[in-house]
Amino acid sequence: MLSHYITITTPLLVALLMGGLIGLERAWHGRPAGLRTHSLVCVSSSLLMLLTVYQWDLLSATVPLEAIRIDPTRMAQGIMTGIGFLGAGVIMKEKLTIRGLTTAASIWMTASIGIMVGLGFYSSASAATVITLVVLALFGRLEGKLPSRRFGRLVLRYKTSDETLHEDIDTLIADHDIMAYHPSYHLEDQGRILEYRMTIFTNDAQNFRKLAGSLKGTERLVEFSITPSGD
């Protein structure tokens, strides 16, 4: 009987450890799904797979043997479907910025690790845990150093009577190595204020900050905002 409990408990403890390691990394970066969420996801996935693997032993006393069907893949499919809803809960959209995709992916990966632990594939689960921690801890820094375009949304508001400001703003944007496209216009305050919107991009995110400093010193502007888009 003791060996039976050890057989069942060991995968759950291993799943707790692996899920906890990934959760600690997410909690360190202040993500909404941290230590507890990832630990519970990994342990629950492992527990459900253990039910599938040992259902002959666990259900034989209450369910007729001919009614028991062993198909671990069906349980794994159900787990991943449920994890999809949990992952969607940590994805947040703030204007043009979408946050939480990496945490959602880590939750999905943690569930996969729990499934592997429940099936007894400890080496594969360990390798997946190490790979996940490396991706979360190091690839973010690597992405920040890779050359890539940074996109954002620029909104300007100024008096319609100031007809030359439009051209000055376009020149100022170009001087900061920023490209603009998809402009749109909207009249406010009974036609006295013009709202000028456009999508902008640059190869250096610091150019947005520099542009904001220049726009701040433009007294002819009523209001402006620069909203960088996120991953």
C-alpha atoms as a PDB file:
ATOM      1  CA  MET A   1       0.000   0.000   0.000  1.00  0.00           C
ATOM      2  CA  LEU A   2       2.873   2.389   0.844  1.00  0.00           C
ATOM      3  CA  SER A   3       4.488   1.831  -2.541  1.00  0.00           C
ATOM      4  CA  HIS A   4       1.153   2.616  -4.182  1.00  0.00           C
ATOM      5  CA  TYR A   5       0.944   5.980  -2.422  1.00  0.00           C
ATOM      6  CA  ILE A   6       4.546   6.755  -3.343  1.00  0.00           C
ATOM      7  CA  THR A   7       3.804   5.943  -6.976  1.00  0.00           C
ATOM      8  CA  ILE A   8       0.880   8.370  -6.987  1.00  0.00           C
ATOM      9  CA  THR A   9       2.450  11.117  -4.869  1.00  0.00           C
ATOM     10  CA  THR A  10       5.855  11.308  -6.549  1.00  0.00           C
ATOM     11  CA  PRO A  11       4.565  12.653  -9.906  1.00  0.00           C
ATOM     12  CA  LEU A  12       2.461  15.254  -8.097  1.00  0.00           C
ATOM     13  CA  LEU A  13       5.468  16.518  -6.141  1.00  0.00           C
ATOM     14  CA  VAL A  14       7.594  16.585  -9.284  1.00  0.00           C
ATOM     15  CA  ALA A  15       4.833  18.518 -11.070  1.00  0.00           C
ATOM     16  CA  LEU A  16       4.642  20.933  -8.134  1.00  0.00           C
ATOM     17  CA  LEU A  17       8.385  21.560  -8.374  1.00  0.00           C
ATOM     18  CA  MET A  18       8.428  22.092 -12.141  1.00  0.00           C
ATOM     19  CA  GLY A  19       5.321  24.245 -12.212  1.00  0.00           C
ATOM     20  CA  GLY A  20       6.618  26.229  -9.250  1.00  0.00           C
ATOM     21  CA  LEU A  21       9.900  27.013 -11.016  1.00  0.00           C
ATOM     22  CA  ILE A  22       8.082  28.444 -14.022  1.00  0.00           C
ATOM     23  CA  GLY A  23       5.666  30.285 -11.739  1.00  0.00           C
ATOM     24  CA  LEU A  24       8.522  31.852  -9.803  1.00  0.00           C
ATOM     25  CA  GLU A  25       9.943  33.291 -13.015  1.00  0.00           C
ATOM     26  CA  ARG A  26       6.555  34.785 -13.943  1.00  0.00           C
ATOM     27  CA  ALA A  27       6.002  36.125 -10.413  1.00  0.00           C
ATOM     28  CA  TRP A  28       9.464  37.725 -10.456  1.00  0.00           C
ATOM     29  CA  HIS A  29       8.397  39.731 -13.496  1.00  0.00           C
ATOM     30  CA  GLY A  30       5.128  40.767 -11.843  1.00  0.00           C
ATOM     31  CA  ARG A  31       2.807  38.782 -14.099  1.00  0.00           C
ATOM     32  CA  PRO A  32      -0.805  38.115 -13.013  1.00  0.00           C
ATOM     33  CA  ALA A  33      -0.352  34.327 -13.224  1.00  0.00           C
ATOM     34  CA  GLY A  34       2.587  33.492 -10.979  1.00  0.00           C
ATOM     35  CA  LEU A  35       3.733  30.839  -8.526  1.00  0.00           C
ATOM     36  CA  ARG A  36       0.355  29.548  -7.367  1.00  0.00           C
ATOM     37  CA  THR A  37      -1.284  29.499 -10.792  1.00  0.00           C
ATOM     38  CA  HIS A  38       1.509  27.626 -12.547  1.00  0.00           C
ATOM     39  CA  SER A  39       1.947  25.202  -9.646  1.00  0.00           C
ATOM     40  CA  LEU A  40      -1.747  24.337  -9.599  1.00  0.00           C
ATOM     41  CA  VAL A  41      -1.919  24.009 -13.384  1.00  0.00           C
ATOM     42  CA  CYS A  42       0.997  21.579 -13.465  1.00  0.00           C
ATOM     43  CA  VAL A  43      -0.217  19.509 -10.497  1.00  0.00           C
ATOM     44  CA  SER A  44      -3.808  19.343 -11.739  1.00  0.00           C
ATOM     45  CA  SER A  45      -2.700  18.247 -15.209  1.00  0.00           C
ATOM     46  CA  SER A  46      -0.504  15.567 -13.675  1.00  0.00           C
ATOM     47  CA  LEU A  47      -3.313  14.431 -11.384  1.00  0.00           C
ATOM     48  CA  LEU A  48      -5.781  14.023 -14.237  1.00  0.00           C
ATOM     49  CA  MET A  49      -3.264  12.047 -16.273  1.00  0.00           C
ATOM     50  CA  LEU A  50      -2.568   9.823 -13.262  1.00  0.00           C
ATOM     51  CA  LEU A  51      -6.297   9.092 -13.134  1.00  0.00           C
ATOM     52  CA  THR A  52      -6.111   7.939 -16.735  1.00  0.00           C
ATOM     53  CA  VAL A  53      -2.948   5.883 -16.296  1.00  0.00           C
ATOM     54  CA  TYR A  54      -4.049   4.166 -13.065  1.00  0.00           C
ATOM     55  CA  GLN A  55      -7.785   4.052 -13.670  1.00  0.00           C
ATOM     56  CA  TRP A  56      -7.751   0.238 -13.597  1.00  0.00           C
ATOM     57  CA  ASP A  57      -6.464   0.352 -10.001  1.00  0.00           C
ATOM     58  CA  LEU A  58      -8.435   3.399  -8.861  1.00  0.00           C
ATOM     59  CA  LEU A  59     -11.839   2.603 -10.363  1.00  0.00           C
ATOM     60  CA  SER A  60     -11.960  -1.174 -10.327  1.00  0.00           C
ATOM     61  CA  ALA A  61     -13.744  -1.216  -6.962  1.00  0.00           C
ATOM     62  CA  THR A  62     -16.544   1.133  -8.071  1.00  0.00           C
ATOM     63  CA  VAL A  63     -16.847   0.700 -11.844  1.00  0.00           C
ATOM     64  CA  PRO A  64     -17.200  -2.569 -13.795  1.00  0.00           C
ATOM     65  CA  LEU A  65     -13.947  -3.418 -15.557  1.00  0.00           C
ATOM     66  CA  GLU A  66     -15.648  -3.678 -18.936  1.00  0.00           C
ATOM     67  CA  ALA A  67     -16.813  -0.051 -18.566  1.00  0.00           C
ATOM     68  CA  ILE A  68     -13.275   1.298 -18.146  1.00  0.00           C
ATOM     69  CA  ARG A  69     -11.717   2.689 -21.321  1.00  0.00           C
ATOM     70  CA  ILE A  70      -8.044   3.647 -21.299  1.00  0.00           C
ATOM     71  CA  ASP A  71      -7.211   6.487 -23.708  1.00  0.00           C
ATOM     72  CA  PRO A  72      -4.774   9.034 -22.203  1.00  0.00           C
ATOM     73  CA  THR A  73      -4.958  11.230 -25.323  1.00  0.00           C
ATOM     74  CA  ARG A  74      -8.606  12.086 -24.654  1.00  0.00           C
ATOM     75  CA  MET A  75      -7.793  13.293 -21.158  1.00  0.00           C
ATOM     76  CA  ALA A  76      -4.871  15.351 -22.521  1.00  0.00           C
ATOM     77  CA  GLN A  77      -7.171  16.970 -25.075  1.00  0.00           C
ATOM     78  CA  GLY A  78      -9.643  17.900 -22.342  1.00  0.00           C
ATOM     79  CA  ILE A  79      -6.884  19.395 -20.204  1.00  0.00           C
ATOM     80  CA  MET A  80      -5.524  21.565 -23.011  1.00  0.00           C
ATOM     81  CA  THR A  81      -9.030  22.770 -23.883  1.00  0.00           C
ATOM     82  CA  GLY A  82      -9.588  23.913 -20.302  1.00  0.00           C
ATOM     83  CA  ILE A  83      -6.170  25.563 -20.151  1.00  0.00           C
ATOM     84  CA  GLY A  84      -7.134  27.625 -23.189  1.00  0.00           C
ATOM     85  CA  PHE A  85      -9.781  29.424 -21.138  1.00  0.00           C
ATOM     86  CA  LEU A  86      -7.316  30.053 -18.304  1.00  0.00           C
ATOM     87  CA  GLY A  87      -4.719  31.408 -20.713  1.00  0.00           C
ATOM     88  CA  ALA A  88      -7.257  33.747 -22.291  1.00  0.00           C
ATOM     89  CA  GLY A  89      -7.951  35.198 -18.845  1.00  0.00           C
ATOM     90  CA  VAL A  90      -4.414  36.585 -18.485  1.00  0.00           C
ATOM     91  CA  ILE A  91      -4.358  38.295 -21.899  1.00  0.00           C
ATOM     92  CA  MET A  92      -5.206  41.990 -21.592  1.00  0.00           C
ATOM     93  CA  LYS A  93      -5.624  44.624 -24.285  1.00  0.00           C
ATOM     94  CA  GLU A  94      -4.780  48.215 -23.456  1.00  0.00           C
ATOM     95  CA  LYS A  95      -5.464  50.408 -26.498  1.00  0.00           C
ATOM     96  CA  LEU A  96      -2.889  49.166 -29.048  1.00  0.00           C
ATOM     97  CA  THR A  97      -0.950  47.117 -26.522  1.00  0.00           C
ATOM     98  CA  ILE A  98      -1.665  43.444 -25.904  1.00  0.00           C
ATOM     99  CA  ARG A  99      -0.139  41.985 -22.756  1.00  0.00           C
ATOM    100  CA  GLY A 100      -0.124  38.510 -21.266  1.00  0.00           C
ATOM    101  CA  LEU A 101       0.571  36.416 -24.364  1.00  0.00           C
ATOM    102  CA  THR A 102       3.836  35.076 -22.957  1.00  0.00           C
ATOM    103  CA  THR A 103       2.208  34.211 -19.629  1.00  0.00           C
ATOM    104  CA  ALA A 104      -0.642  32.471 -21.455  1.00  0.00           C
ATOM    105  CA  ALA A 105       1.904  30.455 -23.430  1.00  0.00           C
ATOM    106  CA  SER A 106       3.748  29.562 -20.208  1.00  0.00           C
ATOM    107  CA  ILE A 107       0.494  28.310 -18.656  1.00  0.00           C
ATOM    108  CA  TRP A 108      -0.147  26.159 -21.725  1.00  0.00           C
ATOM    109  CA  MET A 109       3.425  24.829 -21.533  1.00  0.00           C
ATOM    110  CA  THR A 110       3.083  24.132 -17.808  1.00  0.00           C
ATOM    111  CA  ALA A 111      -0.021  22.058 -18.469  1.00  0.00           C
ATOM    112  CA  SER A 112       1.906  20.075 -21.085  1.00  0.00           C
ATOM    113  CA  ILE A 113       4.691  19.445 -18.580  1.00  0.00           C
ATOM    114  CA  GLY A 114       2.142  18.253 -16.038  1.00  0.00           C
ATOM    115  CA  ILE A 115       0.712  15.815 -18.587  1.00  0.00           C
ATOM    116  CA  MET A 116       4.178  14.389 -19.265  1.00  0.00           C
ATOM    117  CA  VAL A 117       4.852  14.025 -15.542  1.00  0.00           C
ATOM    118  CA  GLY A 118       1.528  12.278 -15.047  1.00  0.00           C
ATOM    119  CA  LEU A 119       2.434   9.799 -17.765  1.00  0.00           C
ATOM    120  CA  GLY A 120       5.794   9.177 -16.105  1.00  0.00           C
ATOM    121  CA  PHE A 121       8.025  10.821 -18.720  1.00  0.00           C
ATOM    122  CA  TYR A 122      10.183  12.641 -16.195  1.00  0.00           C
ATOM    123  CA  SER A 123      13.177  13.204 -18.483  1.00  0.00           C
ATOM    124  CA  SER A 124      11.039  14.860 -21.174  1.00  0.00           C
ATOM    125  CA  ALA A 125       9.232  16.953 -18.562  1.00  0.00           C
ATOM    126  CA  SER A 126      12.532  18.053 -17.030  1.00  0.00           C
ATOM    127  CA  ALA A 127      13.940  19.032 -20.408  1.00  0.00           C
ATOM    128  CA  ALA A 128      10.762  20.974 -21.210  1.00  0.00           C
ATOM    129  CA  THR A 129      10.969  22.784 -17.855  1.00  0.00           C
ATOM    130  CA  VAL A 130      14.572  23.854 -18.486  1.00  0.00           C
ATOM    131  CA  ILE A 131      13.742  24.987 -22.020  1.00  0.00           C
ATOM    132  CA  THR A 132      10.746  26.981 -20.761  1.00  0.00           C
ATOM    133  CA  LEU A 133      12.803  28.730 -18.074  1.00  0.00           C
ATOM    134  CA  VAL A 134      15.533  29.568 -20.595  1.00  0.00           C
ATOM    135  CA  VAL A 135      12.987  31.007 -23.030  1.00  0.00           C
ATOM    136  CA  LEU A 136      11.262  33.093 -20.358  1.00  0.00           C
ATOM    137  CA  ALA A 137      14.435  34.327 -18.686  1.00  0.00           C
ATOM    138  CA  LEU A 138      16.781  34.912 -21.617  1.00  0.00           C
ATOM    139  CA  PHE A 139      14.800  35.272 -24.825  1.00  0.00           C
ATOM    140  CA  GLY A 140      13.100  38.429 -23.560  1.00  0.00           C
ATOM    141  CA  ARG A 141      16.489  40.143 -23.262  1.00  0.00           C
ATOM    142  CA  LEU A 142      17.485  38.808 -26.677  1.00  0.00           C
ATOM    143  CA  GLU A 143      14.313  40.207 -28.257  1.00  0.00           C
ATOM    144  CA  GLY A 144      15.090  43.623 -26.813  1.00  0.00           C
ATOM    145  CA  LYS A 145      18.496  43.656 -28.541  1.00  0.00           C
ATOM    146  CA  LEU A 146      17.343  42.396 -31.925  1.00  0.00           C
ATOM    147  CA  PRO A 147      16.710  45.060 -34.579  1.00  0.00           C
ATOM    148  CA  SER A 148      13.002  45.391 -35.208  1.00  0.00           C
ATOM    149  CA  ARG A 149      10.409  48.005 -35.986  1.00  0.00           C
ATOM    150  CA  ARG A 150       8.607  49.618 -33.068  1.00  0.00           C
ATOM    151  CA  PHE A 151       5.044  50.662 -33.824  1.00  0.00           C
ATOM    152  CA  GLY A 152       2.800  53.149 -32.084  1.00  0.00           C
ATOM    153  CA  ARG A 153      -0.180  55.459 -32.452  1.00  0.00           C
ATOM    154  CA  LEU A 154       0.212  59.234 -32.531  1.00  0.00           C
ATOM    155  CA  VAL A 155      -2.761  61.486 -31.776  1.00  0.00           C
ATOM    156  CA  LEU A 156      -2.506  65.272 -32.129  1.00  0.00           C
ATOM    157  CA  ARG A 157      -5.099  67.932 -31.360  1.00  0.00           C
ATOM    158  CA  TYR A 158      -4.702  71.546 -32.486  1.00  0.00           C
ATOM    159  CA  LYS A 159      -6.774  74.495 -33.677  1.00  0.00           C
ATOM    160  CA  THR A 160      -8.089  74.258 -37.216  1.00  0.00           C
ATOM    161  CA  SER A 161      -7.099  77.881 -37.744  1.00  0.00           C
ATOM    162  CA  ASP A 162      -3.416  76.868 -37.525  1.00  0.00           C
ATOM    163  CA  GLU A 163      -3.124  75.643 -41.109  1.00  0.00           C
ATOM    164  CA  THR A 164       0.674  75.344 -41.232  1.00  0.00           C
ATOM    165  CA  LEU A 165       1.051  73.147 -38.127  1.00  0.00           C
ATOM    166  CA  HIS A 166       0.134  70.048 -40.143  1.00  0.00           C
ATOM    167  CA  GLU A 167       3.238  70.381 -42.333  1.00  0.00           C
ATOM    168  CA  ASP A 168       5.456  71.261 -39.384  1.00  0.00           C
ATOM    169  CA  ILE A 169       4.371  68.143 -37.518  1.00  0.00           C
ATOM    170  CA  ASP A 170       5.096  65.902 -40.527  1.00  0.00           C
ATOM    171  CA  THR A 171       8.575  67.407 -40.797  1.00  0.00           C
ATOM    172  CA  LEU A 172       9.175  66.994 -37.056  1.00  0.00           C
ATOM    173  CA  ILE A 173       8.198  63.313 -37.222  1.00  0.00           C
ATOM    174  CA  ALA A 174      10.569  62.689 -40.130  1.00  0.00           C
ATOM    175  CA  ASP A 175      13.416  64.485 -38.314  1.00  0.00           C
ATOM    176  CA  HIS A 176      13.157  61.897 -35.516  1.00  0.00           C
ATOM    177  CA  ASP A 177      13.598  58.966 -37.950  1.00  0.00           C
ATOM    178  CA  ILE A 178       9.949  58.015 -37.578  1.00  0.00           C
ATOM    179  CA  MET A 179       7.693  57.006 -40.436  1.00  0.00           C
ATOM    180  CA  ALA A 180       3.957  57.739 -40.410  1.00  0.00           C
ATOM    181  CA  TYR A 181       1.086  56.279 -42.395  1.00  0.00           C
ATOM    182  CA  HIS A 182      -2.695  55.747 -42.301  1.00  0.00           C
ATOM    183  CA  PRO A 183      -3.530  59.323 -41.236  1.00  0.00           C
ATOM    184  CA  SER A 184      -7.070  60.174 -40.184  1.00  0.00           C
ATOM    185  CA  TYR A 185      -8.766  63.437 -39.267  1.00  0.00           C
ATOM    186  CA  HIS A 186     -11.625  64.309 -36.953  1.00  0.00           C
ATOM    187  CA  LEU A 187     -13.167  67.689 -36.128  1.00  0.00           C
ATOM    188  CA  GLU A 188     -14.110  68.487 -32.534  1.00  0.00           C
ATOM    189  CA  ASP A 189     -15.516  71.400 -30.535  1.00  0.00           C
ATOM    190  CA  GLN A 190     -17.807  72.513 -33.371  1.00  0.00           C
ATOM    191  CA  GLY A 191     -15.003  72.461 -35.906  1.00  0.00           C
ATOM    192  CA  ARG A 192     -12.538  74.550 -33.904  1.00  0.00           C
ATOM    193  CA  ILE A 193     -10.247  71.638 -32.966  1.00  0.00           C
ATOM    194  CA  LEU A 194      -8.741  69.138 -35.419  1.00  0.00           C
ATOM    195  CA  GLU A 195      -7.730  65.690 -34.165  1.00  0.00           C
ATOM    196  CA  TYR A 196      -4.970  64.211 -36.336  1.00  0.00           C
ATOM    197  CA  ARG A 197      -4.243  60.495 -35.889  1.00  0.00           C
ATOM    198  CA  MET A 198      -1.654  58.286 -37.546  1.00  0.00           C
ATOM    199  CA  THR A 199       0.250  55.024 -37.115  1.00  0.00           C
ATOM    200  CA  ILE A 200       3.993  55.507 -36.653  1.00  0.00           C
ATOM    201  CA  PHE A 201       6.995  53.192 -36.581  1.00  0.00           C
ATOM    202  CA  THR A 202      10.732  53.439 -36.047  1.00  0.00           C
ATOM    203  CA  ASN A 203      13.730  51.157 -35.575  1.00  0.00           C
ATOM    204  CA  ASP A 204      14.541  52.667 -32.172  1.00  0.00           C
ATOM    205  CA  ALA A 205      11.861  52.925 -29.483  1.00  0.00           C
ATOM    206  CA  GLN A 206      13.765  55.845 -27.930  1.00  0.00           C
ATOM    207  CA  ASN A 207      12.732  57.952 -30.924  1.00  0.00           C
ATOM    208  CA  PHE A 208       9.179  57.954 -29.543  1.00  0.00           C
ATOM    209  CA  ARG A 209      10.439  59.495 -26.312  1.00  0.00           C
ATOM    210  CA  LYS A 210      12.455  62.098 -28.202  1.00  0.00           C
ATOM    211  CA  LEU A 211       9.470  62.958 -30.366  1.00  0.00           C
ATOM    212  CA  ALA A 212       7.328  63.368 -27.261  1.00  0.00           C
ATOM    213  CA  GLY A 213       9.870  65.828 -25.880  1.00  0.00           C
ATOM    214  CA  SER A 214       9.782  67.880 -29.066  1.00  0.00           C
ATOM    215  CA  LEU A 215       5.999  67.857 -29.219  1.00  0.00           C
ATOM    216  CA  LYS A 216       5.854  68.940 -25.586  1.00  0.00           C
ATOM    217  CA  GLY A 217       7.699  72.076 -26.524  1.00  0.00           C
ATOM    218  CA  THR A 218       5.292  72.873 -29.367  1.00  0.00           C
ATOM    219  CA  GLU A 219       3.002  75.510 -27.854  1.00  0.00           C
ATOM    220  CA  ARG A 220       0.651  75.474 -30.842  1.00  0.00           C
ATOM    221  CA  LEU A 221      -0.493  71.950 -29.956  1.00  0.00           C
ATOM    222  CA  VAL A 222      -3.540  71.650 -27.715  1.00  0.00           C
ATOM    223  CA  GLU A 223      -2.856  68.018 -26.806  1.00  0.00           C
ATOM    224  CA  PHE A 224      -0.937  64.981 -28.042  1.00  0.00           C
ATOM    225  CA  SER A 225      -0.395  61.329 -27.125  1.00  0.00           C
ATOM    226  CA  ILE A 226       1.981  58.598 -28.288  1.00  0.00           C
ATOM    227  CA  THR A 227       0.902  55.042 -27.528  1.00  0.00           C
ATOM    228  CA  PRO A 228       3.494  52.338 -28.329  1.00  0.00           C
ATOM    229  CA  SER A 229       2.046  49.021 -29.384  1.00  0.00           C
ATOM    230  CA  GLY A 230       3.159  45.915 -27.474  1.00  0.00           C
ATOM    231  CA  ASP A 231       3.474  42.184 -28.174  1.00  0.00           C
END
